């Protein structure tokens, strides 16, 4: 229980620190939102009047306190560009990014873990060498480049999937799945390569341990040793890399959503930065940061479940 309380306190303190960094960094960025909204021909009196309406003339500390207080009431402020509550805008966009993240993670686990086991069990054979070369390419090539290649092959040449746009799940389940498959695959490819190489090295290291030799001496099959002993002891590094993969997936979605013209947070974030819509940008960056911190929090708790020997010191 003390372990969980300690992690919760760390989780809350980290979010508070991140929110302060996000808010005050955006205050240092060049560009006046009021000037951008009114245009270059606006008079100084008009700009000052709009700044007062938007609250931009107030001290940054006062605006931060109002912003952070509103978070506890689900009030994220009003978008400077759309003149709508930020929460309403995010509610429309989050399902796209969330679906993209879940589908990409599913592909990463469903493909990466079996191939990681395969490449470890066939160490030294031609299939292991081939997969090693492919995974090296997967790590080296950025996800947006994979996006263009996937669009060309599966969208243009084979015409199997749509290359842009999004179909809501409520309208057509399979249509939504088809619209998200290619961008999810583009994000997942590099993560799959990381999972394969990391899992291969972990399995090979665990295979040299004394408990594996003991299991073989007892007459256990290689399959039972792999799935009942080696993978079980390799869970902690696997959980770690999966946590990092989720964070990387969120970052990759920002670029991929623009490549595939998806109406998610990534697409909205680029537009909001261009228009200096600080309330909207701050809320989106904070949302992504909180999600990443929460994932790390869950990973820490899973460590405790997988290996009870882990204890918090000090």
Protein backbone atom coordinates (compact mmCIF):
# COMPACT_ATOMS: atom_id res chain seq x y z
CA UNK A 1 0.00 0.00 0.00
CA UNK A 2 2.85 2.39 0.82
CA UNK A 3 4.33 1.61 -2.57
CA UNK A 4 1.10 2.59 -4.35
CA UNK A 5 0.72 5.79 -2.29
CA UNK A 6 4.31 6.73 -3.06
CA UNK A 7 3.72 6.22 -6.78
CA UNK A 8 0.46 8.21 -6.66
CA UNK A 9 2.24 11.11 -4.96
CA UNK A 10 5.01 10.98 -7.56
CA UNK A 11 2.40 10.81 -10.32
CA UNK A 12 0.58 13.93 -9.02
CA UNK A 13 3.81 15.90 -8.46
CA UNK A 14 5.05 15.07 -11.96
CA UNK A 15 1.79 16.21 -13.55
CA UNK A 16 1.92 19.49 -11.63
CA UNK A 17 5.52 20.11 -12.71
CA UNK A 18 4.75 19.21 -16.32
CA UNK A 19 1.74 21.55 -16.38
CA UNK A 20 3.89 24.44 -15.14
CA UNK A 21 6.57 23.77 -17.75
CA UNK A 22 4.00 23.51 -20.55
CA UNK A 23 2.20 26.72 -19.60
CA UNK A 24 5.20 28.97 -19.07
CA UNK A 25 7.14 27.66 -22.08
CA UNK A 26 4.23 28.63 -24.33
CA UNK A 27 4.26 32.12 -22.81
CA UNK A 28 7.81 32.55 -24.15
CA UNK A 29 6.93 31.62 -27.72
CA UNK A 30 6.94 34.55 -30.19
CA UNK A 31 3.70 35.70 -31.76
CA UNK A 32 0.61 37.46 -30.43
CA UNK A 33 -2.59 35.36 -30.70
CA UNK A 34 -4.74 38.50 -30.84
CA UNK A 35 -2.67 39.83 -33.72
CA UNK A 36 -2.94 36.52 -35.57
CA UNK A 37 -6.73 36.38 -35.09
CA UNK A 38 -7.34 39.97 -36.29
CA UNK A 39 -4.78 39.93 -39.08
CA UNK A 40 -1.89 42.17 -40.03
CA UNK A 41 -4.17 45.14 -40.85
CA UNK A 42 -5.67 45.35 -37.35
CA UNK A 43 -5.19 48.54 -35.37
CA UNK A 44 -3.40 48.59 -32.03
CA UNK A 45 -6.59 49.55 -30.17
CA UNK A 46 -8.40 46.52 -31.62
CA UNK A 47 -5.55 44.21 -30.61
CA UNK A 48 -5.55 45.57 -27.06
CA UNK A 49 -9.32 45.20 -26.81
CA UNK A 50 -9.16 41.56 -27.97
CA UNK A 51 -6.31 40.83 -25.55
CA UNK A 52 -8.51 42.07 -22.71
CA UNK A 53 -11.41 39.90 -23.89
CA UNK A 54 -9.17 36.84 -24.10
CA UNK A 55 -7.45 37.61 -20.80
CA UNK A 56 -4.03 37.85 -22.42
CA UNK A 57 -3.28 41.13 -20.64
CA UNK A 58 -3.33 39.43 -17.22
CA UNK A 59 -0.12 38.26 -15.49
CA UNK A 60 1.03 34.75 -16.56
CA UNK A 61 0.97 33.42 -12.97
CA UNK A 62 -2.66 34.47 -12.56
CA UNK A 63 -3.61 32.87 -15.87
CA UNK A 64 -1.80 29.66 -14.91
CA UNK A 65 -3.69 29.42 -11.61
CA UNK A 66 -7.00 29.88 -13.44
CA UNK A 67 -6.00 27.29 -16.03
CA UNK A 68 -4.86 24.64 -13.56
CA UNK A 69 -7.92 25.27 -11.38
CA UNK A 70 -10.19 24.78 -14.37
CA UNK A 71 -8.63 21.40 -15.08
CA UNK A 72 -10.18 19.97 -11.91
CA UNK A 73 -13.59 21.16 -13.17
CA UNK A 74 -13.06 19.84 -16.73
CA UNK A 75 -12.85 23.47 -17.87
CA UNK A 76 -9.87 23.77 -20.21
CA UNK A 77 -10.70 27.28 -21.34
CA UNK A 78 -11.78 28.51 -24.76
CA UNK A 79 -9.98 28.06 -28.05
CA UNK A 80 -8.68 31.36 -29.43
CA UNK A 81 -9.13 30.23 -33.03
CA UNK A 82 -12.40 28.27 -32.93
CA UNK A 83 -13.98 30.26 -30.07
CA UNK A 84 -15.34 27.02 -28.65
CA UNK A 85 -14.63 25.27 -25.33
CA UNK A 86 -11.39 23.32 -25.60
CA UNK A 87 -13.02 20.30 -23.97
CA UNK A 88 -15.61 20.09 -26.79
CA UNK A 89 -12.91 20.20 -29.47
CA UNK A 90 -10.83 17.52 -27.75
CA UNK A 91 -13.84 15.22 -27.28
CA UNK A 92 -14.27 15.20 -31.08
CA UNK A 93 -10.59 14.53 -31.75
CA UNK A 94 -9.47 12.17 -28.98
CA UNK A 95 -11.38 9.07 -30.28
CA UNK A 96 -9.39 9.19 -33.54
CA UNK A 97 -5.97 9.35 -31.84
CA UNK A 98 -7.01 6.86 -29.15
CA UNK A 99 -8.24 4.35 -31.76
CA UNK A 100 -5.06 4.83 -33.78
CA UNK A 101 -2.93 4.21 -30.68
CA UNK A 102 -4.85 1.08 -29.61
CA UNK A 103 -4.81 -0.45 -33.09
CA UNK A 104 -1.11 0.31 -33.54
CA UNK A 105 -0.29 -1.22 -30.15
CA UNK A 106 -2.37 -4.30 -31.01
CA UNK A 107 -0.42 -4.77 -34.26
CA UNK A 108 2.86 -4.26 -32.39
CA UNK A 109 2.07 -6.95 -29.81
CA UNK A 110 0.40 -9.39 -32.23
CA UNK A 111 3.30 -9.26 -34.70
CA UNK A 112 6.31 -8.27 -32.60
CA UNK A 113 6.12 -10.84 -29.79
CA UNK A 114 5.64 -13.97 -31.99
CA UNK A 115 8.41 -12.83 -34.37
CA UNK A 116 10.67 -12.02 -31.42
CA UNK A 117 10.22 -15.56 -30.11
CA UNK A 118 10.74 -17.00 -33.61
CA UNK A 119 13.98 -15.10 -34.23
CA UNK A 120 15.32 -16.20 -30.84
CA UNK A 121 14.44 -19.87 -31.37
CA UNK A 122 16.00 -19.89 -34.86
CA UNK A 123 19.19 -18.09 -33.83
CA UNK A 124 21.93 -18.66 -36.43
CA UNK A 125 19.55 -19.86 -39.17
CA UNK A 126 18.75 -17.99 -42.38
CA UNK A 127 15.31 -16.88 -41.18
CA UNK A 128 16.87 -15.29 -38.10
CA UNK A 129 19.41 -13.43 -40.22
CA UNK A 130 16.70 -12.23 -42.62
CA UNK A 131 14.47 -10.98 -39.80
CA UNK A 132 17.44 -9.24 -38.17
CA UNK A 133 18.12 -7.30 -41.38
CA UNK A 134 14.44 -6.38 -41.75
CA UNK A 135 14.17 -5.20 -38.14
CA UNK A 136 17.29 -3.07 -38.58
CA UNK A 137 15.61 -1.35 -41.52
CA UNK A 138 12.42 -0.96 -39.49
CA UNK A 139 14.30 0.87 -36.75
CA UNK A 140 16.32 3.05 -39.14
CA UNK A 141 13.48 4.29 -41.38
CA UNK A 142 11.10 6.91 -39.85
CA UNK A 143 7.39 6.14 -39.56
CA UNK A 144 6.25 8.91 -41.92
CA UNK A 145 8.40 7.41 -44.71
CA UNK A 146 6.77 4.03 -44.08
CA UNK A 147 3.47 5.89 -44.35
CA UNK A 148 4.26 7.08 -47.88
CA UNK A 149 5.44 3.61 -48.91
CA UNK A 150 2.32 1.97 -47.46
CA UNK A 151 0.07 4.48 -49.22
CA UNK A 152 1.80 3.75 -52.53
CA UNK A 153 1.67 -0.05 -52.18
CA UNK A 154 -1.64 -0.77 -50.41
CA UNK A 155 -3.58 2.34 -51.41
CA UNK A 156 -2.49 3.27 -54.92
CA UNK A 157 -1.10 0.07 -56.50
CA UNK A 158 -3.23 -2.59 -54.79
CA UNK A 159 -6.15 -0.28 -53.93
CA UNK A 160 -6.99 -2.31 -50.80
CA UNK A 161 -7.37 0.50 -48.25
CA UNK A 162 -8.28 4.20 -48.29
CA UNK A 163 -5.26 6.50 -48.19
CA UNK A 164 -6.82 9.43 -46.32
CA UNK A 165 -9.79 10.39 -44.17
CA UNK A 166 -11.54 8.77 -41.22
CA UNK A 167 -14.82 6.88 -40.87
CA UNK A 168 -16.33 7.04 -37.33
CA UNK A 169 -16.83 3.71 -35.57
CA UNK A 170 -20.49 4.54 -34.97
CA UNK A 171 -21.14 4.84 -38.71
CA UNK A 172 -19.26 1.80 -40.03
CA UNK A 173 -17.10 -0.48 -37.88
CA UNK A 174 -15.23 -2.08 -40.76
CA UNK A 175 -14.99 1.25 -42.55
CA UNK A 176 -13.32 2.76 -39.47
CA UNK A 177 -10.99 -0.23 -39.25
CA UNK A 178 -10.00 0.13 -42.92
CA UNK A 179 -9.41 3.88 -42.57
CA UNK A 180 -7.12 3.38 -39.54
CA UNK A 181 -5.28 0.22 -40.60
CA UNK A 182 -2.63 1.81 -42.84
CA UNK A 183 -1.70 4.66 -40.47
CA UNK A 184 -1.63 2.21 -37.54
CA UNK A 185 0.66 -0.09 -39.51
CA UNK A 186 2.94 2.84 -40.41
CA UNK A 187 3.36 3.66 -36.70
CA UNK A 188 3.65 0.03 -35.65
CA UNK A 189 6.43 -1.04 -38.03
CA UNK A 190 9.29 0.64 -36.16
CA UNK A 191 7.84 -0.44 -32.80
CA UNK A 192 7.53 -4.02 -34.05
CA UNK A 193 11.21 -3.94 -35.01
CA UNK A 194 12.18 -2.69 -31.54
CA UNK A 195 10.05 -5.35 -29.81
CA UNK A 196 11.54 -8.13 -31.95
CA UNK A 197 15.17 -7.18 -31.29
CA UNK A 198 14.61 -6.48 -27.60
CA UNK A 199 12.68 -9.71 -27.03
CA UNK A 200 15.25 -11.73 -28.97
CA UNK A 201 18.11 -10.47 -26.79
CA UNK A 202 16.11 -11.02 -23.60
CA UNK A 203 15.17 -14.59 -24.53
CA UNK A 204 18.74 -15.45 -25.50
CA UNK A 205 20.03 -14.06 -22.20
CA UNK A 206 17.42 -15.96 -20.19
CA UNK A 207 18.16 -19.17 -22.11
CA UNK A 208 21.67 -19.19 -20.64
CA UNK A 209 20.42 -19.13 -17.04
CA UNK A 210 20.81 -22.08 -14.68
CA UNK A 211 17.06 -22.56 -14.22
CA UNK A 212 16.72 -23.34 -17.95
CA UNK A 213 19.34 -26.07 -17.71
CA UNK A 214 17.59 -27.45 -14.66
CA UNK A 215 14.27 -27.50 -16.52
CA UNK A 216 15.84 -29.40 -19.40
CA UNK A 217 17.35 -31.91 -17.01
CA UNK A 218 13.89 -32.52 -15.59
CA UNK A 219 12.73 -33.49 -19.08
CA UNK A 220 10.51 -30.49 -19.82
CA UNK A 221 9.81 -29.78 -23.47
CA UNK A 222 11.37 -26.74 -25.15
CA UNK A 223 7.89 -25.29 -25.66
CA UNK A 224 7.06 -25.54 -21.96
CA UNK A 225 10.45 -24.08 -21.01
CA UNK A 226 9.94 -21.16 -23.38
CA UNK A 227 6.36 -20.25 -22.43
CA UNK A 228 6.36 -21.41 -18.84
CA UNK A 229 9.77 -20.19 -17.68
CA UNK A 230 11.78 -18.00 -20.06
CA UNK A 231 8.97 -15.66 -21.13
CA UNK A 232 7.68 -15.41 -17.59
CA UNK A 233 11.07 -14.22 -16.36
CA UNK A 234 11.37 -11.86 -19.31
CA UNK A 235 8.10 -10.06 -18.48
CA UNK A 236 9.68 -7.05 -16.75
CA UNK A 237 11.83 -5.93 -19.71
CA UNK A 238 8.93 -6.68 -22.06
CA UNK A 239 6.58 -4.51 -19.97
CA UNK A 240 9.19 -1.75 -19.95
CA UNK A 241 9.59 -1.71 -23.71
CA UNK A 242 5.81 -1.85 -24.24
CA UNK A 243 5.40 1.20 -22.00
CA UNK A 244 7.98 3.06 -24.08
CA UNK A 245 6.25 1.84 -27.24
CA UNK A 246 2.92 3.38 -26.21
CA UNK A 247 4.60 6.74 -25.58
CA UNK A 248 6.39 6.48 -28.94
CA UNK A 249 3.09 5.63 -30.62
CA UNK A 250 1.49 8.82 -29.30
CA UNK A 251 4.39 10.85 -30.63
CA UNK A 252 4.32 9.11 -34.00
CA UNK A 253 0.59 9.71 -34.41
CA UNK A 254 1.19 13.48 -34.60
CA UNK A 255 3.04 13.09 -37.90
CA UNK A 256 1.11 10.12 -39.27
CA UNK A 257 -2.26 11.82 -38.76
CA UNK A 258 -1.09 14.62 -41.05
CA UNK A 259 0.22 12.15 -43.64
CA UNK A 260 -3.13 10.32 -43.78
CA UNK A 261 -5.30 13.44 -43.17
CA UNK A 262 -6.87 12.02 -40.01
CA UNK A 263 -8.87 14.44 -37.83
CA UNK A 264 -7.06 13.53 -34.60
CA UNK A 265 -5.04 15.35 -31.96
CA UNK A 266 -1.88 15.31 -34.05
CA UNK A 267 -3.50 17.12 -36.95
CA UNK A 268 -5.16 19.58 -34.59
CA UNK A 269 -1.91 20.20 -32.70
CA UNK A 270 -0.05 21.32 -35.83
CA UNK A 271 -2.87 23.68 -36.81
CA UNK A 272 -3.11 25.11 -33.29
CA UNK A 273 0.63 25.78 -33.06
CA UNK A 274 0.52 27.61 -36.39
CA UNK A 275 -2.36 29.84 -35.23
CA UNK A 276 -0.85 30.35 -31.72
CA UNK A 277 -3.99 28.92 -30.13
CA UNK A 278 -2.26 28.55 -26.76
CA UNK A 279 -5.21 27.28 -24.65
CA UNK A 280 -5.82 24.47 -27.14
CA UNK A 281 -2.13 23.61 -27.59
CA UNK A 282 -1.50 23.62 -23.83
CA UNK A 283 -4.41 21.28 -23.18
CA UNK A 284 -3.39 18.84 -25.92
CA UNK A 285 0.26 18.72 -24.83
CA UNK A 286 -0.83 18.27 -21.21
CA UNK A 287 -3.22 15.47 -22.22
CA UNK A 288 -0.44 13.61 -24.05
CA UNK A 289 2.00 14.20 -21.17
CA UNK A 290 -0.50 12.98 -18.55
CA UNK A 291 -1.22 9.89 -20.63
CA UNK A 292 2.49 9.05 -20.92
CA UNK A 293 3.00 9.63 -17.17
CA UNK A 294 -0.04 7.47 -16.41
CA UNK A 295 1.34 4.68 -18.60
CA UNK A 296 4.63 4.79 -16.69
CA UNK A 297 2.63 4.70 -13.44
CA UNK A 298 0.80 1.55 -14.59
CA UNK A 299 4.10 0.00 -15.69
CA UNK A 300 5.56 0.60 -12.22
CA UNK A 301 2.55 -1.13 -10.64
CA UNK A 302 2.87 -4.05 -13.06
CA UNK A 303 6.48 -4.45 -11.96
CA UNK A 304 5.16 -5.03 -8.44
CA UNK A 305 2.68 -7.63 -9.66
CA UNK A 306 5.18 -9.49 -11.84
CA UNK A 307 8.06 -9.40 -9.33
CA UNK A 308 7.08 -8.91 -5.64
CA UNK A 309 10.78 -8.51 -4.78
CA UNK A 310 10.67 -4.97 -6.15
CA UNK A 311 10.39 -2.50 -3.27
CA UNK A 312 10.61 1.24 -2.97
CA UNK A 313 13.73 2.32 -1.10
CA UNK A 314 14.02 5.36 1.13
